[in-house]
């Protein structure tokens, strides 16, 4: 993936590589020491595989991201084993 300004990523649609519509990208998390992207914060759509009871947003590890362009594409097979965290 090439360089993309972070601010243009916000509110992009997040989908799975198998066709699932998952949510909307709301924020990105960087490692302060290295400057590398660590995770993305997603507001899941209702009934998506990211949806958690009573949760508005989740953090998805960046390693699950397949591509970012006009939309954000995630590896759906990786999501099942990924440590998805709830944003408080």
C-alpha atoms as a PDB file:
ATOM      1  CA  UNK A   1       0.000   0.000   0.000  1.00  0.00           C
ATOM      2  CA  UNK A   2       1.204   3.468  -0.814  1.00  0.00           C
ATOM      3  CA  UNK A   3       1.064   6.541   1.383  1.00  0.00           C
ATOM      4  CA  UNK A   4      -2.378   8.060   1.949  1.00  0.00           C
ATOM      5  CA  UNK A   5      -3.115  11.101   4.147  1.00  0.00           C
ATOM      6  CA  UNK A   6      -4.892   9.850   7.262  1.00  0.00           C
ATOM      7  CA  UNK A   7      -7.633  12.463   7.234  1.00  0.00           C
ATOM      8  CA  UNK A   8      -9.047  11.222   3.925  1.00  0.00           C
ATOM      9  CA  UNK A   9      -9.573   7.745   5.409  1.00  0.00           C
ATOM     10  CA  UNK A  10     -12.172   8.826   7.945  1.00  0.00           C
ATOM     11  CA  UNK A  11     -15.752   7.809   7.167  1.00  0.00           C
ATOM     12  CA  UNK A  12     -14.664   5.339   4.471  1.00  0.00           C
ATOM     13  CA  UNK A  13     -16.784   2.196   4.145  1.00  0.00           C
ATOM     14  CA  UNK A  14     -15.181  -0.961   5.586  1.00  0.00           C
ATOM     15  CA  UNK A  15     -15.924  -4.218   3.760  1.00  0.00           C
ATOM     16  CA  UNK A  16     -14.663  -7.786   3.856  1.00  0.00           C
ATOM     17  CA  UNK A  17     -12.820  -9.418   0.970  1.00  0.00           C
ATOM     18  CA  UNK A  18     -15.646 -11.971   0.747  1.00  0.00           C
ATOM     19  CA  UNK A  19     -18.293  -9.289   0.226  1.00  0.00           C
ATOM     20  CA  UNK A  20     -19.501  -8.451   3.736  1.00  0.00           C
ATOM     21  CA  UNK A  21     -20.317  -4.824   4.496  1.00  0.00           C
ATOM     22  CA  UNK A  22     -18.835  -4.257   7.955  1.00  0.00           C
ATOM     23  CA  UNK A  23     -18.927  -0.599   8.988  1.00  0.00           C
ATOM     24  CA  UNK A  24     -17.374   2.851   8.717  1.00  0.00           C
ATOM     25  CA  UNK A  25     -13.763   3.767   9.530  1.00  0.00           C
ATOM     26  CA  UNK A  26     -13.756   6.384  12.286  1.00  0.00           C
ATOM     27  CA  UNK A  27     -10.137   6.657  13.404  1.00  0.00           C
ATOM     28  CA  UNK A  28      -6.654   5.206  13.016  1.00  0.00           C
ATOM     29  CA  UNK A  29      -4.166   4.291  15.752  1.00  0.00           C
ATOM     30  CA  UNK A  30      -0.397   4.692  15.340  1.00  0.00           C
ATOM     31  CA  UNK A  31       2.545   3.479  17.413  1.00  0.00           C
ATOM     32  CA  UNK A  32       4.082   6.635  18.881  1.00  0.00           C
ATOM     33  CA  UNK A  33       7.606   5.211  18.758  1.00  0.00           C
ATOM     34  CA  UNK A  34       7.668   3.890  15.192  1.00  0.00           C
ATOM     35  CA  UNK A  35       4.897   5.888  13.536  1.00  0.00           C
ATOM     36  CA  UNK A  36       3.463   2.669  12.089  1.00  0.00           C
ATOM     37  CA  UNK A  37      -0.257   2.045  11.807  1.00  0.00           C
ATOM     38  CA  UNK A  38      -1.346  -0.358  14.569  1.00  0.00           C
ATOM     39  CA  UNK A  39      -5.116  -0.573  14.237  1.00  0.00           C
ATOM     40  CA  UNK A  40      -8.196   1.003  12.763  1.00  0.00           C
ATOM     41  CA  UNK A  41     -11.270   2.088  14.703  1.00  0.00           C
ATOM     42  CA  UNK A  42     -14.497   1.006  13.056  1.00  0.00           C
ATOM     43  CA  UNK A  43     -18.118   1.822  13.779  1.00  0.00           C
ATOM     44  CA  UNK A  44     -19.772  -1.503  12.892  1.00  0.00           C
ATOM     45  CA  UNK A  45     -22.982  -1.695  10.918  1.00  0.00           C
ATOM     46  CA  UNK A  46     -25.830  -3.459  12.657  1.00  0.00           C
ATOM     47  CA  UNK A  47     -25.717  -7.225  12.023  1.00  0.00           C
ATOM     48  CA  UNK A  48     -22.118  -7.140  10.728  1.00  0.00           C
ATOM     49  CA  UNK A  49     -19.610  -9.671  12.067  1.00  0.00           C
ATOM     50  CA  UNK A  50     -17.910  -6.779  13.924  1.00  0.00           C
ATOM     51  CA  UNK A  51     -21.020  -5.828  15.892  1.00  0.00           C
ATOM     52  CA  UNK A  52     -20.795  -6.312  19.663  1.00  0.00           C
ATOM     53  CA  UNK A  53     -23.671  -5.922  22.107  1.00  0.00           C
ATOM     54  CA  UNK A  54     -23.901  -2.328  23.349  1.00  0.00           C
ATOM     55  CA  UNK A  55     -20.681  -1.276  21.593  1.00  0.00           C
ATOM     56  CA  UNK A  56     -20.378   1.690  19.253  1.00  0.00           C
ATOM     57  CA  UNK A  57     -16.805   1.138  17.991  1.00  0.00           C
ATOM     58  CA  UNK A  58     -14.169  -1.597  17.793  1.00  0.00           C
ATOM     59  CA  UNK A  59     -10.424  -1.657  17.133  1.00  0.00           C
ATOM     60  CA  UNK A  60      -9.257  -3.953  14.347  1.00  0.00           C
ATOM     61  CA  UNK A  61      -5.530  -4.859  14.082  1.00  0.00           C
ATOM     62  CA  UNK A  62      -3.927  -3.372  10.983  1.00  0.00           C
ATOM     63  CA  UNK A  63      -2.628  -6.804   9.909  1.00  0.00           C
ATOM     64  CA  UNK A  64      -6.242  -7.671   8.974  1.00  0.00           C
ATOM     65  CA  UNK A  65      -6.365  -4.805   6.429  1.00  0.00           C
ATOM     66  CA  UNK A  66      -6.030  -6.073   2.867  1.00  0.00           C
ATOM     67  CA  UNK A  67      -6.211  -2.716   1.087  1.00  0.00           C
ATOM     68  CA  UNK A  68      -7.175   0.919   1.481  1.00  0.00           C
ATOM     69  CA  UNK A  69      -8.295   3.102  -1.391  1.00  0.00           C
ATOM     70  CA  UNK A  70     -11.852   4.307  -1.960  1.00  0.00           C
ATOM     71  CA  UNK A  71     -12.926   1.726   0.633  1.00  0.00           C
ATOM     72  CA  UNK A  72     -11.149  -0.250   3.344  1.00  0.00           C
ATOM     73  CA  UNK A  73     -11.002  -3.993   2.641  1.00  0.00           C
ATOM     74  CA  UNK A  74     -10.355  -6.490   5.447  1.00  0.00           C
ATOM     75  CA  UNK A  75      -9.390 -10.168   5.256  1.00  0.00           C
ATOM     76  CA  UNK A  76     -12.584 -11.796   6.544  1.00  0.00           C
ATOM     77  CA  UNK A  77     -10.813 -15.084   7.288  1.00  0.00           C
ATOM     78  CA  UNK A  78      -8.384 -13.210   9.576  1.00  0.00           C
ATOM     79  CA  UNK A  79     -11.179 -11.424  11.463  1.00  0.00           C
ATOM     80  CA  UNK A  80     -12.295 -14.627  13.174  1.00  0.00           C
ATOM     81  CA  UNK A  81      -8.942 -14.997  14.978  1.00  0.00           C
ATOM     82  CA  UNK A  82      -8.023 -11.323  15.300  1.00  0.00           C
ATOM     83  CA  UNK A  83      -7.996  -9.697  18.754  1.00  0.00           C
ATOM     84  CA  UNK A  84     -10.821  -7.227  18.139  1.00  0.00           C
ATOM     85  CA  UNK A  85     -11.018  -4.793  21.044  1.00  0.00           C
ATOM     86  CA  UNK A  86     -13.949  -2.706  22.176  1.00  0.00           C
ATOM     87  CA  UNK A  87     -13.490   1.080  22.290  1.00  0.00           C
ATOM     88  CA  UNK A  88     -14.727   2.406  25.635  1.00  0.00           C
END
